Amino acid sequence: MLAASKFSKPIYEAAARGFVKDYRESLKNYPLLGHRVGMATHDDGWDTGPLRPGMVFTIEPALRVPEEQIYIRLEDLIIITQTGVELVSADLPMDMDAIEKVMAEEGILQRYPRDAAADALLR
């Protein structure tokens, strides 16, 4: 899939190739592109047994382009259930067009601006 991808800049292609290379290398020591989630967001340790109902973890690939101060991370939260998996983030936008559409929308801070009284309480 990476070989068929087109990039608008060589640094973007280099970042994508670097990500794939680093991920393949990390699989030797840590077989997950994310972390477990439990009582703490980043639970320590790893269960090397099969996935079981109740386990929760993220898959969070990140692309970095330091030359342009770009950092993109798409994080999925996955819950193992009795019948399979639940992808908690399934309804969130993940492709470029959908993300740009959401970014162009009015944000929560614009819809619900803080007032001076609330700001005074926070100080």
PDB file of N, CA and C in Angstrom:
ATOM      1  N   MET A   1       0.815  -1.184   0.000  1.00  0.00           N
ATOM      2  CA  MET A   1       0.000   0.000   0.000  1.00  0.00           C
ATOM      3  C   MET A   1       0.865   1.257   0.000  1.00  0.00           C
ATOM      4  N   LEU A   2       1.940   1.277   0.765  1.00  0.00           N
ATOM      5  CA  LEU A   2       2.815   2.437   0.796  1.00  0.00           C
ATOM      6  C   LEU A   2       3.444   2.664  -0.573  1.00  0.00           C
ATOM      7  N   ALA A   3       3.820   1.595  -1.252  1.00  0.00           N
ATOM      8  CA  ALA A   3       4.454   1.726  -2.561  1.00  0.00           C
ATOM      9  C   ALA A   3       3.527   2.387  -3.580  1.00  0.00           C
ATOM     10  N   ALA A   4       2.236   2.196  -3.438  1.00  0.00           N
ATOM     11  CA  ALA A   4       1.261   2.773  -4.371  1.00  0.00           C
ATOM     12  C   ALA A   4       0.843   4.189  -3.975  1.00  0.00           C
ATOM     13  N   SER A   5       1.262   4.646  -2.805  1.00  0.00           N
ATOM     14  CA  SER A   5       0.850   5.969  -2.320  1.00  0.00           C
ATOM     15  C   SER A   5       1.620   7.075  -3.022  1.00  0.00           C
ATOM     16  N   LYS A   6       0.930   8.201  -3.221  1.00  0.00           N
ATOM     17  CA  LYS A   6       1.562   9.385  -3.804  1.00  0.00           C
ATOM     18  C   LYS A   6       1.643  10.452  -2.727  1.00  0.00           C
ATOM     19  N   PHE A   7       2.765  11.129  -2.689  1.00  0.00           N
ATOM     20  CA  PHE A   7       3.001  12.148  -1.675  1.00  0.00           C
ATOM     21  C   PHE A   7       3.252  13.484  -2.360  1.00  0.00           C
ATOM     22  N   SER A   8       2.765  14.549  -1.767  1.00  0.00           N
ATOM     23  CA  SER A   8       2.936  15.870  -2.363  1.00  0.00           C
ATOM     24  C   SER A   8       4.328  16.442  -2.120  1.00  0.00           C
ATOM     25  N   LYS A   9       5.038  15.886  -1.131  1.00  0.00           N
ATOM     26  CA  LYS A   9       6.394  16.355  -0.837  1.00  0.00           C
ATOM     27  C   LYS A   9       7.275  15.166  -0.472  1.00  0.00           C
ATOM     28  N   PRO A  10       8.547  15.206  -0.843  1.00  0.00           N
ATOM     29  CA  PRO A  10       9.461  14.118  -0.472  1.00  0.00           C
ATOM     30  C   PRO A  10       9.572  13.907   1.034  1.00  0.00           C
ATOM     31  N   ILE A  11       9.458  14.986   1.835  1.00  0.00           N
ATOM     32  CA  ILE A  11       9.573  14.806   3.290  1.00  0.00           C
ATOM     33  C   ILE A  11       8.388  14.022   3.842  1.00  0.00           C
ATOM     34  N   TYR A  12       7.209  14.103   3.191  1.00  0.00           N
ATOM     35  CA  TYR A  12       6.060  13.322   3.627  1.00  0.00           C
ATOM     36  C   TYR A  12       6.279  11.848   3.339  1.00  0.00           C
ATOM     37  N   GLU A  13       6.834  11.559   2.186  1.00  0.00           N
ATOM     38  CA  GLU A  13       7.135  10.165   1.857  1.00  0.00           C
ATOM     39  C   GLU A  13       8.193   9.615   2.808  1.00  0.00           C
ATOM     40  N   ALA A  14       9.212  10.414   3.094  1.00  0.00           N
ATOM     41  CA  ALA A  14      10.261   9.976   4.025  1.00  0.00           C
ATOM     42  C   ALA A  14       9.678   9.705   5.408  1.00  0.00           C
ATOM     43  N   ALA A  15       8.751  10.558   5.856  1.00  0.00           N
ATOM     44  CA  ALA A  15       8.118  10.363   7.171  1.00  0.00           C
ATOM     45  C   ALA A  15       7.311   9.067   7.184  1.00  0.00           C
ATOM     46  N   ALA A  16       6.559   8.803   6.121  1.00  0.00           N
ATOM     47  CA  ALA A  16       5.751   7.582   6.049  1.00  0.00           C
ATOM     48  C   ALA A  16       6.644   6.343   6.011  1.00  0.00           C
ATOM     49  N   ARG A  17       7.677   6.380   5.214  1.00  0.00           N
ATOM     50  CA  ARG A  17       8.596   5.231   5.148  1.00  0.00           C
ATOM     51  C   ARG A  17       9.307   5.019   6.488  1.00  0.00           C
ATOM     52  N   GLY A  18       9.682   6.105   7.149  1.00  0.00           N
ATOM     53  CA  GLY A  18      10.311   6.004   8.463  1.00  0.00           C
ATOM     54  C   GLY A  18       9.360   5.399   9.487  1.00  0.00           C
ATOM     55  N   PHE A  19       8.098   5.782   9.431  1.00  0.00           N
ATOM     56  CA  PHE A  19       7.102   5.219  10.347  1.00  0.00           C
ATOM     57  C   PHE A  19       7.001   3.714  10.153  1.00  0.00           C
ATOM     58  N   VAL A  20       6.860   3.269   8.908  1.00  0.00           N
ATOM     59  CA  VAL A  20       6.724   1.830   8.626  1.00  0.00           C
ATOM     60  C   VAL A  20       7.964   1.083   9.088  1.00  0.00           C
ATOM     61  N   LYS A  21       9.135   1.616   8.793  1.00  0.00           N
ATOM     62  CA  LYS A  21      10.384   0.974   9.200  1.00  0.00           C
ATOM     63  C   LYS A  21      10.471   0.863  10.727  1.00  0.00           C
ATOM     64  N   ASP A  22      10.184   1.963  11.428  1.00  0.00           N
ATOM     65  CA  ASP A  22      10.254   1.963  12.894  1.00  0.00           C
ATOM     66  C   ASP A  22       9.221   1.010  13.501  1.00  0.00           C
ATOM     67  N   TYR A  23       8.025   0.974  12.915  1.00  0.00           N
ATOM     68  CA  TYR A  23       6.988   0.084  13.427  1.00  0.00           C
ATOM     69  C   TYR A  23       7.407  -1.377  13.268  1.00  0.00           C
ATOM     70  N   ARG A  24       7.907  -1.737  12.114  1.00  0.00           N
ATOM     71  CA  ARG A  24       8.354  -3.123  11.907  1.00  0.00           C
ATOM     72  C   ARG A  24       9.449  -3.495  12.898  1.00  0.00           C
ATOM     73  N   GLU A  25      10.329  -2.564  13.165  1.00  0.00           N
ATOM     74  CA  GLU A  25      11.410  -2.818  14.127  1.00  0.00           C
ATOM     75  C   GLU A  25      10.854  -2.975  15.547  1.00  0.00           C
ATOM     76  N   SER A  26       9.864  -2.157  15.902  1.00  0.00           N
ATOM     77  CA  SER A  26       9.306  -2.218  17.257  1.00  0.00           C
ATOM     78  C   SER A  26       8.519  -3.503  17.501  1.00  0.00           C
ATOM     79  N   LEU A  27       8.005  -4.119  16.444  1.00  0.00           N
ATOM     80  CA  LEU A  27       7.245  -5.364  16.612  1.00  0.00           C
ATOM     81  C   LEU A  27       8.088  -6.480  17.227  1.00  0.00           C
ATOM     82  N   LYS A  28       9.391  -6.379  17.091  1.00  0.00           N
ATOM     83  CA  LYS A  28      10.270  -7.409  17.657  1.00  0.00           C
ATOM     84  C   LYS A  28      10.200  -7.435  19.181  1.00  0.00           C
ATOM     85  N   ASN A  29       9.940  -6.277  19.800  1.00  0.00           N
ATOM     86  CA  ASN A  29       9.916  -6.183  21.261  1.00  0.00           C
ATOM     87  C   ASN A  29       8.539  -5.929  21.840  1.00  0.00           C
ATOM     88  N   TYR A  30       7.669  -5.309  21.070  1.00  0.00           N
ATOM     89  CA  TYR A  30       6.365  -4.906  21.592  1.00  0.00           C
ATOM     90  C   TYR A  30       5.339  -5.050  20.477  1.00  0.00           C
ATOM     91  N   PRO A  31       4.501  -6.080  20.528  1.00  0.00           N
ATOM     92  CA  PRO A  31       3.636  -6.405  19.396  1.00  0.00           C
ATOM     93  C   PRO A  31       2.343  -5.604  19.300  1.00  0.00           C
ATOM     94  N   LEU A  32       2.387  -4.318  19.624  1.00  0.00           N
ATOM     95  CA  LEU A  32       1.169  -3.517  19.573  1.00  0.00           C
ATOM     96  C   LEU A  32       1.540  -2.091  19.215  1.00  0.00           C
ATOM     97  N   LEU A  33       0.738  -1.483  18.390  1.00  0.00           N
ATOM     98  CA  LEU A  33       0.954  -0.104  17.984  1.00  0.00           C
ATOM     99  C   LEU A  33       0.081   0.789  18.849  1.00  0.00           C
ATOM    100  N   GLY A  34       0.303   0.777  20.141  1.00  0.00           N
ATOM    101  CA  GLY A  34      -0.498   1.533  21.088  1.00  0.00           C
ATOM    102  C   GLY A  34      -0.162   1.098  22.499  1.00  0.00           C
ATOM    103  N   HIS A  35      -1.185   1.048  23.350  1.00  0.00           N
ATOM    104  CA  HIS A  35      -0.956   0.651  24.738  1.00  0.00           C
ATOM    105  C   HIS A  35      -2.249   0.136  25.339  1.00  0.00           C
ATOM    106  N   ARG A  36      -2.106  -0.567  26.448  1.00  0.00           N
ATOM    107  CA  ARG A  36      -3.287  -1.034  27.182  1.00  0.00           C
ATOM    108  C   ARG A  36      -3.944   0.147  27.878  1.00  0.00           C
ATOM    109  N   VAL A  37      -5.228   0.019  28.115  1.00  0.00           N
ATOM    110  CA  VAL A  37      -5.975   1.033  28.850  1.00  0.00           C
ATOM    111  C   VAL A  37      -6.712   0.314  29.967  1.00  0.00           C
ATOM    112  N   GLY A  38      -6.596   0.828  31.172  1.00  0.00           N
ATOM    113  CA  GLY A  38      -7.266   0.206  32.314  1.00  0.00           C
ATOM    114  C   GLY A  38      -7.632   1.261  33.323  1.00  0.00           C
ATOM    115  N   MET A  39      -7.290   1.025  34.569  1.00  0.00           N
ATOM    116  CA  MET A  39      -7.581   1.998  35.615  1.00  0.00           C
ATOM    117  C   MET A  39      -6.814   3.293  35.356  1.00  0.00           C
ATOM    118  N   ALA A  40      -5.664   3.164  34.727  1.00  0.00           N
ATOM    119  CA  ALA A  40      -4.899   4.329  34.293  1.00  0.00           C
ATOM    120  C   ALA A  40      -4.885   4.310  32.762  1.00  0.00           C
ATOM    121  N   THR A  41      -4.749   5.472  32.160  1.00  0.00           N
ATOM    122  CA  THR A  41      -4.755   5.541  30.697  1.00  0.00           C
ATOM    123  C   THR A  41      -3.672   4.661  30.098  1.00  0.00           C
ATOM    124  N   HIS A  42      -2.485   4.695  30.657  1.00  0.00           N
ATOM    125  CA  HIS A  42      -1.375   3.893  30.155  1.00  0.00           C
ATOM    126  C   HIS A  42      -1.013   2.844  31.207  1.00  0.00           C
ATOM    127  N   ASP A  43      -1.736   1.746  31.227  1.00  0.00           N
ATOM    128  CA  ASP A  43      -1.417   0.686  32.185  1.00  0.00           C
ATOM    129  C   ASP A  43      -0.068   0.069  31.845  1.00  0.00           C
ATOM    130  N   ASP A  44       0.679  -0.259  32.872  1.00  0.00           N
ATOM    131  CA  ASP A  44       1.992  -0.866  32.685  1.00  0.00           C
ATOM    132  C   ASP A  44       1.861  -2.341  32.368  1.00  0.00           C
ATOM    133  N   GLY A  45       2.873  -2.866  31.728  1.00  0.00           N
ATOM    134  CA  GLY A  45       2.936  -4.299  31.475  1.00  0.00           C
ATOM    135  C   GLY A  45       2.158  -4.714  30.251  1.00  0.00           C
ATOM    136  N   TRP A  46       2.267  -5.982  29.942  1.00  0.00           N
ATOM    137  CA  TRP A  46       1.567  -6.514  28.785  1.00  0.00           C
ATOM    138  C   TRP A  46       1.223  -7.962  29.058  1.00  0.00           C
ATOM    139  N   ASP A  47       0.039  -8.339  28.732  1.00  0.00           N
ATOM    140  CA  ASP A  47      -0.416  -9.713  28.867  1.00  0.00           C
ATOM    141  C   ASP A  47      -0.077 -10.419  27.564  1.00  0.00           C
ATOM    142  N   THR A  48       0.753 -11.415  27.599  1.00  0.00           N
ATOM    143  CA  THR A  48       1.182 -12.087  26.370  1.00  0.00           C
ATOM    144  C   THR A  48       0.250 -13.216  25.962  1.00  0.00           C
ATOM    145  N   GLY A  49      -0.803 -13.449  26.730  1.00  0.00           N
ATOM    146  CA  GLY A  49      -1.760 -14.492  26.388  1.00  0.00           C
ATOM    147  C   GLY A  49      -2.738 -14.013  25.324  1.00  0.00           C
ATOM    148  N   PRO A  50      -3.705 -14.850  25.001  1.00  0.00           N
ATOM    149  CA  PRO A  50      -4.699 -14.459  23.997  1.00  0.00           C
ATOM    150  C   PRO A  50      -5.581 -13.320  24.500  1.00  0.00           C
ATOM    151  N   LEU A  51      -6.165 -12.595  23.557  1.00  0.00           N
ATOM    152  CA  LEU A  51      -7.088 -11.526  23.924  1.00  0.00           C
ATOM    153  C   LEU A  51      -8.320 -12.122  24.577  1.00  0.00           C
ATOM    154  N   ARG A  52      -8.795 -11.452  25.641  1.00  0.00           N
ATOM    155  CA  ARG A  52      -9.952 -11.941  26.392  1.00  0.00           C
ATOM    156  C   ARG A  52     -10.945 -10.814  26.605  1.00  0.00           C
ATOM    157  N   PRO A  53     -12.230 -11.162  26.772  1.00  0.00           N
ATOM    158  CA  PRO A  53     -13.238 -10.141  27.044  1.00  0.00           C
ATOM    159  C   PRO A  53     -12.834  -9.266  28.229  1.00  0.00           C
ATOM    160  N   GLY A  54     -13.051  -7.971  28.070  1.00  0.00           N
ATOM    161  CA  GLY A  54     -12.708  -7.011  29.114  1.00  0.00           C
ATOM    162  C   GLY A  54     -11.394  -6.296  28.870  1.00  0.00           C
ATOM    163  N   MET A  55     -10.545  -6.834  28.004  1.00  0.00           N
ATOM    164  CA  MET A  55      -9.288  -6.146  27.698  1.00  0.00           C
ATOM    165  C   MET A  55      -9.589  -4.910  26.855  1.00  0.00           C
ATOM    166  N   VAL A  56      -8.875  -3.830  27.143  1.00  0.00           N
ATOM    167  CA  VAL A  56      -9.047  -2.578  26.417  1.00  0.00           C
ATOM    168  C   VAL A  56      -7.661  -2.072  26.036  1.00  0.00           C
ATOM    169  N   PHE A  57      -7.512  -1.651  24.796  1.00  0.00           N
ATOM    170  CA  PHE A  57      -6.234  -1.105  24.359  1.00  0.00           C
ATOM    171  C   PHE A  57      -6.444  -0.139  23.208  1.00  0.00           C
ATOM    172  N   THR A  58      -5.402   0.620  22.907  1.00  0.00           N
ATOM    173  CA  THR A  58      -5.451   1.556  21.801  1.00  0.00           C
ATOM    174  C   THR A  58      -4.578   1.039  20.664  1.00  0.00           C
ATOM    175  N   ILE A  59      -4.903   1.512  19.496  1.00  0.00           N
ATOM    176  CA  ILE A  59      -4.005   1.416  18.354  1.00  0.00           C
ATOM    177  C   ILE A  59      -3.857   2.856  17.896  1.00  0.00           C
ATOM    178  N   GLU A  60      -2.631   3.363  17.916  1.00  0.00           N
ATOM    179  CA  GLU A  60      -2.437   4.792  17.695  1.00  0.00           C
ATOM    180  C   GLU A  60      -1.212   5.099  16.836  1.00  0.00           C
ATOM    181  N   PRO A  61      -1.320   4.851  15.539  1.00  0.00           N
ATOM    182  CA  PRO A  61      -0.196   5.201  14.673  1.00  0.00           C
ATOM    183  C   PRO A  61       0.008   6.711  14.637  1.00  0.00           C
ATOM    184  N   ALA A  62       1.257   7.125  14.551  1.00  0.00           N
ATOM    185  CA  ALA A  62       1.577   8.553  14.519  1.00  0.00           C
ATOM    186  C   ALA A  62       2.549   8.829  13.381  1.00  0.00           C
ATOM    187  N   LEU A  63       2.310   9.919  12.686  1.00  0.00           N
ATOM    188  CA  LEU A  63       3.187  10.348  11.598  1.00  0.00           C
ATOM    189  C   LEU A  63       3.787  11.684  11.998  1.00  0.00           C
ATOM    190  N   ARG A  64       5.105  11.768  11.942  1.00  0.00           N
ATOM    191  CA  ARG A  64       5.795  12.996  12.331  1.00  0.00           C
ATOM    192  C   ARG A  64       6.568  13.544  11.137  1.00  0.00           C
ATOM    193  N   VAL A  65       6.423  14.839  10.910  1.00  0.00           N
ATOM    194  CA  VAL A  65       7.201  15.544   9.896  1.00  0.00           C
ATOM    195  C   VAL A  65       7.827  16.732  10.613  1.00  0.00           C
ATOM    196  N   PRO A  66       8.970  16.517  11.264  1.00  0.00           N
ATOM    197  CA  PRO A  66       9.547  17.574  12.099  1.00  0.00           C
ATOM    198  C   PRO A  66       9.923  18.830  11.324  1.00  0.00           C
ATOM    199  N   GLU A  67      10.255  18.680  10.043  1.00  0.00           N
ATOM    200  CA  GLU A  67      10.632  19.848   9.243  1.00  0.00           C
ATOM    201  C   GLU A  67       9.501  20.862   9.140  1.00  0.00           C
ATOM    202  N   GLU A  68       8.256  20.394   9.265  1.00  0.00           N
ATOM    203  CA  GLU A  68       7.102  21.279   9.175  1.00  0.00           C
ATOM    204  C   GLU A  68       6.294  21.301  10.469  1.00  0.00           C
ATOM    205  N   GLN A  69       6.873  20.779  11.532  1.00  0.00           N
ATOM    206  CA  GLN A  69       6.224  20.720  12.844  1.00  0.00           C
ATOM    207  C   GLN A  69       4.836  20.089  12.736  1.00  0.00           C
ATOM    208  N   ILE A  70       4.761  18.969  12.021  1.00  0.00           N
ATOM    209  CA  ILE A  70       3.512  18.232  11.854  1.00  0.00           C
ATOM    210  C   ILE A  70       3.581  16.963  12.696  1.00  0.00           C
ATOM    211  N   TYR A  71       2.525  16.729  13.448  1.00  0.00           N
ATOM    212  CA  TYR A  71       2.392  15.497  14.232  1.00  0.00           C
ATOM    213  C   TYR A  71       0.941  15.060  14.123  1.00  0.00           C
ATOM    214  N   ILE A  72       0.720  13.931  13.498  1.00  0.00           N
ATOM    215  CA  ILE A  72      -0.630  13.414  13.305  1.00  0.00           C
ATOM    216  C   ILE A  72      -0.721  12.057  13.978  1.00  0.00           C
ATOM    217  N   ARG A  73      -1.720  11.887  14.824  1.00  0.00           N
ATOM    218  CA  ARG A  73      -1.936  10.588  15.457  1.00  0.00           C
ATOM    219  C   ARG A  73      -3.421  10.263  15.381  1.00  0.00           C
ATOM    220  N   LEU A  74      -3.717   9.089  14.873  1.00  0.00           N
ATOM    221  CA  LEU A  74      -5.089   8.594  14.832  1.00  0.00           C
ATOM    222  C   LEU A  74      -5.189   7.504  15.880  1.00  0.00           C
ATOM    223  N   GLU A  75      -6.015   7.727  16.875  1.00  0.00           N
ATOM    224  CA  GLU A  75      -6.086   6.781  17.995  1.00  0.00           C
ATOM    225  C   GLU A  75      -7.442   6.089  18.027  1.00  0.00           C
ATOM    226  N   ASP A  76      -7.411   4.771  17.979  1.00  0.00           N
ATOM    227  CA  ASP A  76      -8.615   3.957  18.110  1.00  0.00           C
ATOM    228  C   ASP A  76      -8.601   3.280  19.472  1.00  0.00           C
ATOM    229  N   LEU A  77      -9.750   3.244  20.126  1.00  0.00           N
ATOM    230  CA  LEU A  77      -9.898   2.544  21.395  1.00  0.00           C
ATOM    231  C   LEU A  77     -10.671   1.264  21.115  1.00  0.00           C
ATOM    232  N   ILE A  78     -10.093   0.139  21.501  1.00  0.00           N
ATOM    233  CA  ILE A  78     -10.664  -1.171  21.190  1.00  0.00           C
ATOM    234  C   ILE A  78     -10.969  -1.919  22.481  1.00  0.00           C
ATOM    235  N   ILE A  79     -12.181  -2.468  22.554  1.00  0.00           N
ATOM    236  CA  ILE A  79     -12.596  -3.275  23.704  1.00  0.00           C
ATOM    237  C   ILE A  79     -12.853  -4.691  23.204  1.00  0.00           C
ATOM    238  N   ILE A  80     -12.256  -5.664  23.873  1.00  0.00           N
ATOM    239  CA  ILE A  80     -12.518  -7.061  23.542  1.00  0.00           C
ATOM    240  C   ILE A  80     -13.793  -7.471  24.283  1.00  0.00           C
ATOM    241  N   THR A  81     -14.778  -7.972  23.532  1.00  0.00           N
ATOM    242  CA  THR A  81     -16.068  -8.356  24.114  1.00  0.00           C
ATOM    243  C   THR A  81     -16.233  -9.879  24.049  1.00  0.00           C
ATOM    244  N   GLN A  82     -17.338 -10.362  24.573  1.00  0.00           N
ATOM    245  CA  GLN A  82     -17.633 -11.805  24.525  1.00  0.00           C
ATOM    246  C   GLN A  82     -17.778 -12.301  23.085  1.00  0.00           C
ATOM    247  N   THR A  83     -18.227 -11.417  22.206  1.00  0.00           N
ATOM    248  CA  THR A  83     -18.511 -11.833  20.824  1.00  0.00           C
ATOM    249  C   THR A  83     -17.532 -11.305  19.799  1.00  0.00           C
ATOM    250  N   GLY A  84     -16.541 -10.543  20.208  1.00  0.00           N
ATOM    251  CA  GLY A  84     -15.579  -9.999  19.250  1.00  0.00           C
ATOM    252  C   GLY A  84     -14.919  -8.751  19.785  1.00  0.00           C
ATOM    253  N   VAL A  85     -15.040  -7.660  19.043  1.00  0.00           N
ATOM    254  CA  VAL A  85     -14.438  -6.394  19.462  1.00  0.00           C
ATOM    255  C   VAL A  85     -15.430  -5.263  19.276  1.00  0.00           C
ATOM    256  N   GLU A  86     -15.245  -4.225  20.082  1.00  0.00           N
ATOM    257  CA  GLU A  86     -15.985  -2.990  19.909  1.00  0.00           C
ATOM    258  C   GLU A  86     -14.963  -1.896  19.643  1.00  0.00           C
ATOM    259  N   LEU A  87     -15.093  -1.254  18.518  1.00  0.00           N
ATOM    260  CA  LEU A  87     -14.223  -0.137  18.169  1.00  0.00           C
ATOM    261  C   LEU A  87     -14.933   1.141  18.615  1.00  0.00           C
ATOM    262  N   VAL A  88     -14.540   1.650  19.783  1.00  0.00           N
ATOM    263  CA  VAL A  88     -15.212   2.789  20.401  1.00  0.00           C
ATOM    264  C   VAL A  88     -15.154   4.016  19.500  1.00  0.00           C
ATOM    265  N   SER A  89     -14.088   4.157  18.762  1.00  0.00           N
ATOM    266  CA  SER A  89     -13.886   5.341  17.925  1.00  0.00           C
ATOM    267  C   SER A  89     -14.379   5.158  16.492  1.00  0.00           C
ATOM    268  N   ALA A  90     -15.231   4.170  16.252  1.00  0.00           N
ATOM    269  CA  ALA A  90     -15.671   3.849  14.883  1.00  0.00           C
ATOM    270  C   ALA A  90     -16.384   5.010  14.191  1.00  0.00           C
ATOM    271  N   ASP A  91     -17.060   5.864  14.929  1.00  0.00           N
ATOM    272  CA  ASP A  91     -17.817   6.953  14.313  1.00  0.00           C
ATOM    273  C   ASP A  91     -17.007   8.232  14.109  1.00  0.00           C
ATOM    274  N   LEU A  92     -15.760   8.239  14.522  1.00  0.00           N
ATOM    275  CA  LEU A  92     -14.934   9.436  14.362  1.00  0.00           C
ATOM    276  C   LEU A  92     -14.362   9.512  12.954  1.00  0.00           C
ATOM    277  N   PRO A  93     -14.166  10.724  12.432  1.00  0.00           N
ATOM    278  CA  PRO A  93     -13.597  10.844  11.086  1.00  0.00           C
ATOM    279  C   PRO A  93     -12.133  10.407  11.076  1.00  0.00           C
ATOM    280  N   MET A  94     -11.762   9.648  10.051  1.00  0.00           N
ATOM    281  CA  MET A  94     -10.380   9.184   9.950  1.00  0.00           C
ATOM    282  C   MET A  94      -9.733   9.506   8.602  1.00  0.00           C
ATOM    283  N   ASP A  95     -10.547   9.783   7.576  1.00  0.00           N
ATOM    284  CA  ASP A  95      -9.926  10.110   6.294  1.00  0.00           C
ATOM    285  C   ASP A  95      -9.777  11.633   6.183  1.00  0.00           C
ATOM    286  N   MET A  96      -8.887  12.056   5.304  1.00  0.00           N
ATOM    287  CA  MET A  96      -8.516  13.466   5.207  1.00  0.00           C
ATOM    288  C   MET A  96      -9.725  14.377   4.969  1.00  0.00           C
ATOM    289  N   ASP A  97     -10.590  14.031   4.044  1.00  0.00           N
ATOM    290  CA  ASP A  97     -11.740  14.892   3.746  1.00  0.00           C
ATOM    291  C   ASP A  97     -12.653  15.049   4.960  1.00  0.00           C
ATOM    292  N   ALA A  98     -12.922  13.951   5.652  1.00  0.00           N
ATOM    293  CA  ALA A  98     -13.806  14.011   6.823  1.00  0.00           C
ATOM    294  C   ALA A  98     -13.178  14.815   7.952  1.00  0.00           C
ATOM    295  N   ILE A  99     -11.891  14.664   8.161  1.00  0.00           N
ATOM    296  CA  ILE A  99     -11.195  15.420   9.212  1.00  0.00           C
ATOM    297  C   ILE A  99     -11.215  16.904   8.886  1.00  0.00           C
ATOM    298  N   GLU A 100     -10.923  17.258   7.631  1.00  0.00           N
ATOM    299  CA  GLU A 100     -10.928  18.669   7.250  1.00  0.00           C
ATOM    300  C   GLU A 100     -12.323  19.276   7.378  1.00  0.00           C
ATOM    301  N   LYS A 101     -13.360  18.496   7.105  1.00  0.00           N
ATOM    302  CA  LYS A 101     -14.733  18.982   7.258  1.00  0.00           C
ATOM    303  C   LYS A 101     -15.023  19.318   8.718  1.00  0.00           C
ATOM    304  N   VAL A 102     -14.620  18.437   9.627  1.00  0.00           N
ATOM    305  CA  VAL A 102     -14.833  18.687  11.055  1.00  0.00           C
ATOM    306  C   VAL A 102     -14.025  19.893  11.519  1.00  0.00           C
ATOM    307  N   MET A 103     -12.802  20.016  11.022  1.00  0.00           N
ATOM    308  CA  MET A 103     -11.957  21.144  11.429  1.00  0.00           C
ATOM    309  C   MET A 103     -12.540  22.485  10.989  1.00  0.00           C
ATOM    310  N   ALA A 104     -13.298  22.498   9.901  1.00  0.00           N
ATOM    311  CA  ALA A 104     -13.904  23.734   9.395  1.00  0.00           C
ATOM    312  C   ALA A 104     -15.167  24.108  10.167  1.00  0.00           C
ATOM    313  N   GLU A 105     -15.722  23.173  10.920  1.00  0.00           N
ATOM    314  CA  GLU A 105     -16.946  23.440  11.677  1.00  0.00           C
ATOM    315  C   GLU A 105     -16.660  24.289  12.904  1.00  0.00           C
ATOM    316  N   GLU A 106     -17.715  24.916  13.401  1.00  0.00           N
ATOM    317  CA  GLU A 106     -17.608  25.666  14.641  1.00  0.00           C
ATOM    318  C   GLU A 106     -17.247  24.697  15.763  1.00  0.00           C
ATOM    319  N   GLY A 107     -16.310  25.071  16.595  1.00  0.00           N
ATOM    320  CA  GLY A 107     -15.873  24.210  17.686  1.00  0.00           C
ATOM    321  C   GLY A 107     -16.688  24.395  18.948  1.00  0.00           C
ATOM    322  N   ILE A 108     -16.476  23.524  19.911  1.00  0.00           N
ATOM    323  CA  ILE A 108     -17.233  23.572  21.166  1.00  0.00           C
ATOM    324  C   ILE A 108     -16.975  24.875  21.930  1.00  0.00           C
ATOM    325  N   LEU A 109     -15.761  25.403  21.827  1.00  0.00           N
ATOM    326  CA  LEU A 109     -15.471  26.658  22.533  1.00  0.00           C
ATOM    327  C   LEU A 109     -16.183  27.838  21.885  1.00  0.00           C
ATOM    328  N   GLN A 110     -16.454  27.753  20.573  1.00  0.00           N
ATOM    329  CA  GLN A 110     -17.213  28.804  19.906  1.00  0.00           C
ATOM    330  C   GLN A 110     -18.707  28.666  20.221  1.00  0.00           C
ATOM    331  N   ARG A 111     -19.187  27.439  20.309  1.00  0.00           N
ATOM    332  CA  ARG A 111     -20.602  27.215  20.610  1.00  0.00           C
ATOM    333  C   ARG A 111     -20.937  27.555  22.056  1.00  0.00           C
ATOM    334  N   TYR A 112     -20.002  27.309  22.957  1.00  0.00           N
ATOM    335  CA  TYR A 112     -20.243  27.523  24.384  1.00  0.00           C
ATOM    336  C   TYR A 112     -19.097  28.355  24.975  1.00  0.00           C
ATOM    337  N   PRO A 113     -19.040  29.634  24.639  1.00  0.00           N
ATOM    338  CA  PRO A 113     -17.927  30.453  25.147  1.00  0.00           C
ATOM    339  C   PRO A 113     -18.016  30.608  26.662  1.00  0.00           C
ATOM    340  N   ARG A 114     -16.834  30.651  27.272  1.00  0.00           N
ATOM    341  CA  ARG A 114     -16.799  30.868  28.720  1.00  0.00           C
ATOM    342  C   ARG A 114     -17.135  32.319  29.003  1.00  0.00           C
ATOM    343  N   ASP A 115     -17.755  32.551  30.123  1.00  0.00           N
ATOM    344  CA  ASP A 115     -18.061  33.936  30.482  1.00  0.00           C
ATOM    345  C   ASP A 115     -17.059  34.421  31.522  1.00  0.00           C
ATOM    346  N   ALA A 116     -17.085  35.721  31.762  1.00  0.00           N
ATOM    347  CA  ALA A 116     -16.134  36.340  32.683  1.00  0.00           C
ATOM    348  C   ALA A 116     -16.249  35.774  34.090  1.00  0.00           C
ATOM    349  N   ALA A 117     -17.475  35.476  34.529  1.00  0.00           N
ATOM    350  CA  ALA A 117     -17.679  34.942  35.892  1.00  0.00           C
ATOM    351  C   ALA A 117     -17.007  33.562  36.025  1.00  0.00           C
ATOM    352  N   ALA A 118     -17.140  32.738  35.002  1.00  0.00           N
ATOM    353  CA  ALA A 118     -16.513  31.419  35.042  1.00  0.00           C
ATOM    354  C   ALA A 118     -14.996  31.555  35.028  1.00  0.00           C
ATOM    355  N   ASP A 119     -14.474  32.465  34.220  1.00  0.00           N
ATOM    356  CA  ASP A 119     -13.026  32.704  34.179  1.00  0.00           C
ATOM    357  C   ASP A 119     -12.494  33.164  35.535  1.00  0.00           C
ATOM    358  N   ALA A 120     -13.261  34.014  36.228  1.00  0.00           N
ATOM    359  CA  ALA A 120     -12.846  34.518  37.542  1.00  0.00           C
ATOM    360  C   ALA A 120     -12.766  33.367  38.558  1.00  0.00           C
ATOM    361  N   LEU A 121     -13.683  32.412  38.459  1.00  0.00           N
ATOM    362  CA  LEU A 121     -13.669  31.276  39.382  1.00  0.00           C
ATOM    363  C   LEU A 121     -12.449  30.386  39.148  1.00  0.00           C
ATOM    364  N   LEU A 122     -11.965  30.331  37.923  1.00  0.00           N
ATOM    365  CA  LEU A 122     -10.837  29.468  37.585  1.00  0.00           C
ATOM    366  C   LEU A 122      -9.496  30.081  37.978  1.00  0.00           C
ATOM    367  N   ARG A 123      -9.483  31.346  38.317  1.00  0.00           N
ATOM    368  CA  ARG A 123      -8.207  32.001  38.657  1.00  0.00           C
ATOM    369  C   ARG A 123      -7.862  31.835  40.100  1.00  0.00           C
TER     370      ARG A 123
END
